[in-house]
PDB file of N, CA and C in Angstrom:
ATOM      1  N   UNK A   1     117.795-187.334   7.247  1.00  0.00           N
ATOM      2  CA  UNK A   1     116.433-187.759   7.028  1.00  0.00           C
ATOM      3  C   UNK A   1     115.516-187.270   8.157  1.00  0.00           C
ATOM      4  N   UNK A   2     115.977-187.355   9.393  1.00  0.00           N
ATOM      5  CA  UNK A   2     115.170-186.910  10.526  1.00  0.00           C
ATOM      6  C   UNK A   2     114.948-185.402  10.455  1.00  0.00           C
ATOM      7  N   UNK A   3     115.996-184.661  10.088  1.00  0.00           N
ATOM      8  CA  UNK A   3     115.878-183.208   9.995  1.00  0.00           C
ATOM      9  C   UNK A   3     114.900-182.832   8.892  1.00  0.00           C
ATOM     10  N   UNK A   4     114.947-183.523   7.784  1.00  0.00           N
ATOM     11  CA  UNK A   4     114.050-183.232   6.677  1.00  0.00           C
ATOM     12  C   UNK A   4     112.597-183.492   7.088  1.00  0.00           C
ATOM     13  N   UNK A   5     112.352-184.584   7.764  1.00  0.00           N
ATOM     14  CA  UNK A   5     111.001-184.912   8.213  1.00  0.00           C
ATOM     15  C   UNK A   5     110.516-183.878   9.221  1.00  0.00           C
ATOM     16  N   UNK A   6     111.391-183.472  10.144  1.00  0.00           N
ATOM     17  CA  UNK A   6     111.022-182.494  11.159  1.00  0.00           C
ATOM     18  C   UNK A   6     110.704-181.136  10.526  1.00  0.00           C
ATOM     19  N   UNK A   7     111.493-180.733   9.546  1.00  0.00           N
ATOM     20  CA  UNK A   7     111.274-179.431   8.915  1.00  0.00           C
ATOM     21  C   UNK A   7     109.983-179.422   8.103  1.00  0.00           C
ATOM     22  N   UNK A   8     109.574-180.540   7.558  1.00  0.00           N
ATOM     23  CA  UNK A   8     108.312-180.599   6.818  1.00  0.00           C
ATOM     24  C   UNK A   8     107.113-180.514   7.757  1.00  0.00           C
ATOM     25  N   UNK A   9     107.231-181.059   8.945  1.00  0.00           N
ATOM     26  CA  UNK A   9     106.090-181.058   9.865  1.00  0.00           C
ATOM     27  C   UNK A   9     105.943-179.738  10.611  1.00  0.00           C
ATOM     28  N   UNK A  10     107.028-179.002  10.822  1.00  0.00           N
ATOM     29  CA  UNK A  10     106.943-177.761  11.599  1.00  0.00           C
ATOM     30  C   UNK A  10     106.374-176.618  10.779  1.00  0.00           C
ATOM     31  N   UNK A  11     107.056-176.206   9.754  1.00  0.00           N
ATOM     32  CA  UNK A  11     106.590-175.088   8.947  1.00  0.00           C
ATOM     33  C   UNK A  11     106.413-173.827   9.768  1.00  0.00           C
ATOM     34  N   UNK A  12     105.645-172.892   9.260  1.00  0.00           N
ATOM     35  CA  UNK A  12     105.303-171.675   9.998  1.00  0.00           C
ATOM     36  C   UNK A  12     103.963-171.902  10.667  1.00  0.00           C
ATOM     37  N   UNK A  13     103.984-172.085  11.944  1.00  0.00           N
ATOM     38  CA  UNK A  13     102.754-172.389  12.666  1.00  0.00           C
ATOM     39  C   UNK A  13     102.218-171.207  13.459  1.00  0.00           C
ATOM     40  N   UNK A  14     102.857-170.094  13.416  1.00  0.00           N
ATOM     41  CA  UNK A  14     102.378-168.959  14.194  1.00  0.00           C
ATOM     42  C   UNK A  14     103.302-167.786  14.053  1.00  0.00           C
ATOM     43  N   UNK A  15     103.111-166.837  14.925  1.00  0.00           N
ATOM     44  CA  UNK A  15     103.910-165.624  14.859  1.00  0.00           C
ATOM     45  C   UNK A  15     105.235-165.820  15.578  1.00  0.00           C
ATOM     46  N   UNK A  16     106.229-165.138  15.087  1.00  0.00           N
ATOM     47  CA  UNK A  16     107.531-165.141  15.757  1.00  0.00           C
ATOM     48  C   UNK A  16     107.539-164.054  16.825  1.00  0.00           C
ATOM     49  N   UNK A  17     108.601-163.985  17.569  1.00  0.00           N
ATOM     50  CA  UNK A  17     108.697-163.003  18.650  1.00  0.00           C
ATOM     51  C   UNK A  17     108.603-161.575  18.115  1.00  0.00           C
ATOM     52  N   UNK A  18     109.229-161.309  16.986  1.00  0.00           N
ATOM     53  CA  UNK A  18     109.170-159.964  16.406  1.00  0.00           C
ATOM     54  C   UNK A  18     107.741-159.607  15.999  1.00  0.00           C
ATOM     55  N   UNK A  19     107.018-160.589  15.464  1.00  0.00           N
ATOM     56  CA  UNK A  19     105.639-160.320  15.077  1.00  0.00           C
ATOM     57  C   UNK A  19     104.765-160.072  16.303  1.00  0.00           C
ATOM     58  N   UNK A  20     105.021-160.791  17.384  1.00  0.00           N
ATOM     59  CA  UNK A  20     104.298-160.527  18.628  1.00  0.00           C
ATOM     60  C   UNK A  20     104.582-159.113  19.124  1.00  0.00           C
ATOM     61  N   UNK A  21     105.825-158.688  19.034  1.00  0.00           N
ATOM     62  CA  UNK A  21     106.187-157.348  19.496  1.00  0.00           C
ATOM     63  C   UNK A  21     105.471-156.280  18.670  1.00  0.00           C
ATOM     64  N   UNK A  22     105.469-156.433  17.361  1.00  0.00           N
ATOM     65  CA  UNK A  22     104.795-155.462  16.499  1.00  0.00           C
ATOM     66  C   UNK A  22     103.295-155.472  16.761  1.00  0.00           C
ATOM     67  N   UNK A  23     102.720-156.656  16.931  1.00  0.00           N
ATOM     68  CA  UNK A  23     101.290-156.749  17.234  1.00  0.00           C
ATOM     69  C   UNK A  23     100.938-156.106  18.555  1.00  0.00           C
ATOM     70  N   UNK A  24     101.791-156.298  19.554  1.00  0.00           N
ATOM     71  CA  UNK A  24     101.552-155.703  20.870  1.00  0.00           C
ATOM     72  C   UNK A  24     101.640-154.182  20.811  1.00  0.00           C
ATOM     73  N   UNK A  25     102.618-153.673  20.091  1.00  0.00           N
ATOM     74  CA  UNK A  25     102.770-152.222  19.952  1.00  0.00           C
ATOM     75  C   UNK A  25     101.576-151.632  19.204  1.00  0.00           C
ATOM     76  N   UNK A  26     101.133-152.310  18.155  1.00  0.00           N
ATOM     77  CA  UNK A  26      99.977-151.828  17.393  1.00  0.00           C
ATOM     78  C   UNK A  26      98.717-151.835  18.265  1.00  0.00           C
ATOM     79  N   UNK A  27      98.529-152.879  19.061  1.00  0.00           N
ATOM     80  CA  UNK A  27      97.359-152.954  19.933  1.00  0.00           C
ATOM     81  C   UNK A  27      97.398-151.855  20.990  1.00  0.00           C
ATOM     82  N   UNK A  28      98.566-151.593  21.541  1.00  0.00           N
ATOM     83  CA  UNK A  28      98.700-150.534  22.546  1.00  0.00           C
ATOM     84  C   UNK A  28      98.438-149.159  21.931  1.00  0.00           C
ATOM     85  N   UNK A  29      98.921-148.939  20.718  1.00  0.00           N
ATOM     86  CA  UNK A  29      98.680-147.663  20.045  1.00  0.00           C
ATOM     87  C   UNK A  29      97.195-147.476  19.746  1.00  0.00           C
ATOM     88  N   UNK A  30      96.538-148.539  19.309  1.00  0.00           N
ATOM     89  CA  UNK A  30      95.107-148.469  19.027  1.00  0.00           C
ATOM     90  C   UNK A  30      94.317-148.205  20.303  1.00  0.00           C
ATOM     91  N   UNK A  31      94.703-148.850  21.392  1.00  0.00           N
ATOM     92  CA  UNK A  31      94.029-148.631  22.672  1.00  0.00           C
ATOM     93  C   UNK A  31      94.219-147.179  23.133  1.00  0.00           C
ATOM     94  N   UNK A  32      95.414-146.647  22.958  1.00  0.00           N
ATOM     95  CA  UNK A  32      95.667-145.255  23.318  1.00  0.00           C
ATOM     96  C   UNK A  32      94.831-144.290  22.493  1.00  0.00           C
ATOM     97  N   UNK A  33      94.701-144.583  21.207  1.00  0.00           N
ATOM     98  CA  UNK A  33      93.885-143.745  20.332  1.00  0.00           C
ATOM     99  C   UNK A  33      92.417-143.797  20.743  1.00  0.00           C
ATOM    100  N   UNK A  34      91.908-144.985  21.019  1.00  0.00           N
ATOM    101  CA  UNK A  34      90.518-145.106  21.468  1.00  0.00           C
ATOM    102  C   UNK A  34      90.286-144.385  22.788  1.00  0.00           C
ATOM    103  N   UNK A  35      91.238-144.494  23.701  1.00  0.00           N
ATOM    104  CA  UNK A  35      91.117-143.809  24.987  1.00  0.00           C
ATOM    105  C   UNK A  35      91.046-142.299  24.783  1.00  0.00           C
ATOM    106  N   UNK A  36      91.901-141.794  23.902  1.00  0.00           N
ATOM    107  CA  UNK A  36      91.922-140.356  23.626  1.00  0.00           C
ATOM    108  C   UNK A  36      90.599-139.895  23.023  1.00  0.00           C
ATOM    109  N   UNK A  37      90.041-140.707  22.134  1.00  0.00           N
ATOM    110  CA  UNK A  37      88.776-140.348  21.495  1.00  0.00           C
ATOM    111  C   UNK A  37      87.630-140.382  22.498  1.00  0.00           C
ATOM    112  N   UNK A  38      87.560-141.441  23.299  1.00  0.00           N
ATOM    113  CA  UNK A  38      86.445-141.609  24.226  1.00  0.00           C
ATOM    114  C   UNK A  38      86.477-140.568  25.335  1.00  0.00           C
ATOM    115  N   UNK A  39      87.658-140.122  25.718  1.00  0.00           N
ATOM    116  CA  UNK A  39      87.741-139.141  26.798  1.00  0.00           C
ATOM    117  C   UNK A  39      87.704-137.698  26.297  1.00  0.00           C
ATOM    118  N   UNK A  40      87.480-137.501  25.003  1.00  0.00           N
ATOM    119  CA  UNK A  40      87.396-136.135  24.483  1.00  0.00           C
ATOM    120  C   UNK A  40      86.082-135.493  24.923  1.00  0.00           C
ATOM    121  N   UNK A  41      86.049-134.193  24.895  1.00  0.00           N
ATOM    122  CA  UNK A  41      84.878-133.444  25.370  1.00  0.00           C
ATOM    123  C   UNK A  41      83.648-133.706  24.509  1.00  0.00           C
ATOM    124  N   UNK A  42      83.844-133.791  23.191  1.00  0.00           N
ATOM    125  CA  UNK A  42      82.706-134.011  22.300  1.00  0.00           C
ATOM    126  C   UNK A  42      82.053-135.362  22.557  1.00  0.00           C
ATOM    127  N   UNK A  43      82.856-136.388  22.725  1.00  0.00           N
ATOM    128  CA  UNK A  43      82.309-137.729  22.954  1.00  0.00           C
ATOM    129  C   UNK A  43      81.641-137.807  24.322  1.00  0.00           C
ATOM    130  N   UNK A  44      82.246-137.185  25.317  1.00  0.00           N
ATOM    131  CA  UNK A  44      81.618-137.166  26.645  1.00  0.00           C
ATOM    132  C   UNK A  44      80.240-136.527  26.599  1.00  0.00           C
ATOM    133  N   UNK A  45      80.131-135.380  25.938  1.00  0.00           N
ATOM    134  CA  UNK A  45      78.833-134.707  25.874  1.00  0.00           C
ATOM    135  C   UNK A  45      77.834-135.533  25.068  1.00  0.00           C
ATOM    136  N   UNK A  46      78.273-136.165  24.009  1.00  0.00           N
ATOM    137  CA  UNK A  46      77.388-137.016  23.222  1.00  0.00           C
ATOM    138  C   UNK A  46      76.878-138.192  24.050  1.00  0.00           C
ATOM    139  N   UNK A  47      77.767-138.825  24.805  1.00  0.00           N
ATOM    140  CA  UNK A  47      77.354-139.939  25.653  1.00  0.00           C
ATOM    141  C   UNK A  47      76.397-139.489  26.746  1.00  0.00           C
ATOM    142  N   UNK A  48      76.647-138.325  27.323  1.00  0.00           N
ATOM    143  CA  UNK A  48      75.737-137.790  28.342  1.00  0.00           C
ATOM    144  C   UNK A  48      74.354-137.503  27.766  1.00  0.00           C
ATOM    145  N   UNK A  49      74.305-136.967  26.550  1.00  0.00           N
ATOM    146  CA  UNK A  49      73.025-136.719  25.900  1.00  0.00           C
ATOM    147  C   UNK A  49      72.264-138.018  25.662  1.00  0.00           C
ATOM    148  N   UNK A  50      72.956-139.042  25.222  1.00  0.00           N
ATOM    149  CA  UNK A  50      72.319-140.344  24.980  1.00  0.00           C
ATOM    150  C   UNK A  50      71.773-140.919  26.277  1.00  0.00           C
ATOM    151  N   UNK A  51      72.555-140.819  27.344  1.00  0.00           N
ATOM    152  CA  UNK A  51      72.111-141.352  28.641  1.00  0.00           C
ATOM    153  C   UNK A  51      70.914-140.563  29.164  1.00  0.00           C
ATOM    154  N   UNK A  52      70.952-139.245  29.031  1.00  0.00           N
ATOM    155  CA  UNK A  52      69.830-138.414  29.490  1.00  0.00           C
ATOM    156  C   UNK A  52      68.552-138.731  28.720  1.00  0.00           C
ATOM    157  N   UNK A  53      68.658-138.926  27.405  1.00  0.00           N
ATOM    158  CA  UNK A  53      67.492-139.275  26.602  1.00  0.00           C
ATOM    159  C   UNK A  53      66.927-140.612  27.037  1.00  0.00           C
ATOM    160  N   UNK A  54      67.817-141.589  27.296  1.00  0.00           N
ATOM    161  CA  UNK A  54      67.365-142.916  27.735  1.00  0.00           C
ATOM    162  C   UNK A  54      66.666-142.843  29.085  1.00  0.00           C
ATOM    163  N   UNK A  55      67.204-142.036  29.987  1.00  0.00           N
ATOM    164  CA  UNK A  55      66.585-141.890  31.295  1.00  0.00           C
ATOM    165  C   UNK A  55      65.255-141.161  31.222  1.00  0.00           C
ATOM    166  N   UNK A  56      65.174-140.187  30.342  1.00  0.00           N
ATOM    167  CA  UNK A  56      63.902-139.465  30.171  1.00  0.00           C
ATOM    168  C   UNK A  56      62.833-140.361  29.565  1.00  0.00           C
ATOM    169  N   UNK A  57      63.216-141.245  28.662  1.00  0.00           N
ATOM    170  CA  UNK A  57      62.260-142.170  28.058  1.00  0.00           C
ATOM    171  C   UNK A  57      61.767-143.195  29.083  1.00  0.00           C
ATOM    172  N   UNK A  58      62.660-143.564  30.000  1.00  0.00           N
ATOM    173  CA  UNK A  58      62.310-144.586  30.991  1.00  0.00           C
ATOM    174  C   UNK A  58      61.334-144.054  32.030  1.00  0.00           C
ATOM    175  N   UNK A  59      61.316-142.789  32.265  1.00  0.00           N
ATOM    176  CA  UNK A  59      60.356-142.321  33.253  1.00  0.00           C
ATOM    177  C   UNK A  59      60.742-141.041  33.792  1.00  0.00           C
TER     178      UNK A  59
END
Protein backbone atom coordinates (compact mmCIF):
# COMPACT_ATOMS: atom_id res chain seq x y z
CA UNK A 1 0.00 0.00 0.00
CA UNK A 2 2.81 2.43 0.85
CA UNK A 3 4.62 1.64 -2.41
CA UNK A 4 1.45 2.17 -4.41
CA UNK A 5 0.81 5.54 -2.77
CA UNK A 6 4.44 6.60 -3.29
CA UNK A 7 4.41 5.61 -6.97
CA UNK A 8 1.24 7.62 -7.59
CA UNK A 9 2.69 10.77 -6.05
CA UNK A 10 6.10 10.64 -7.78
CA UNK A 11 5.36 10.07 -11.45
CA UNK A 12 7.64 11.69 -14.01
CA UNK A 13 8.57 15.01 -12.51
CA UNK A 14 11.51 15.95 -14.68
CA UNK A 15 14.30 14.81 -16.86
CA UNK A 16 16.37 11.75 -16.15
CA UNK A 17 20.15 11.71 -16.26
CA UNK A 18 20.19 10.52 -19.88
CA UNK A 19 17.87 13.35 -20.89
CA UNK A 20 20.13 15.85 -19.15
CA UNK A 21 23.11 14.44 -21.04
CA UNK A 22 21.36 14.71 -24.40
CA UNK A 23 20.17 18.23 -23.58
CA UNK A 24 23.67 19.29 -22.55
CA UNK A 25 25.20 17.87 -25.73
CA UNK A 26 22.56 19.58 -27.87
CA UNK A 27 23.14 22.91 -26.10
CA UNK A 28 26.91 22.62 -26.55
CA UNK A 29 26.50 21.80 -30.25
CA UNK A 30 24.17 24.77 -30.74
CA UNK A 31 26.61 27.06 -28.93
CA UNK A 32 29.45 25.81 -31.14
CA UNK A 33 27.38 26.44 -34.26
CA UNK A 34 26.51 29.97 -33.14
CA UNK A 35 30.15 30.68 -32.33
CA UNK A 36 31.20 29.49 -35.78
CA UNK A 37 28.57 31.68 -37.44
CA UNK A 38 29.32 34.81 -35.41
CA UNK A 39 33.07 34.54 -35.94
CA UNK A 40 32.78 34.09 -39.71
CA UNK A 41 34.16 36.80 -41.97
CA UNK A 42 30.78 37.73 -43.45
CA UNK A 43 29.16 38.28 -40.07
CA UNK A 44 32.15 40.24 -38.78
CA UNK A 45 32.03 42.61 -41.74
CA UNK A 46 28.26 42.99 -41.42
CA UNK A 47 28.57 43.84 -37.73
CA UNK A 48 31.34 46.33 -38.45
CA UNK A 49 29.18 48.02 -41.09
CA UNK A 50 26.28 48.30 -38.64
CA UNK A 51 28.54 49.78 -35.96
CA UNK A 52 30.10 52.25 -38.40
CA UNK A 53 26.66 53.40 -39.58
CA UNK A 54 25.53 53.87 -35.96
CA UNK A 55 28.64 55.88 -35.15
CA UNK A 56 28.25 58.02 -38.24
CA UNK A 57 24.63 58.77 -37.35
CA UNK A 58 25.64 59.73 -33.81
CA UNK A 59 28.04 62.39 -34.91
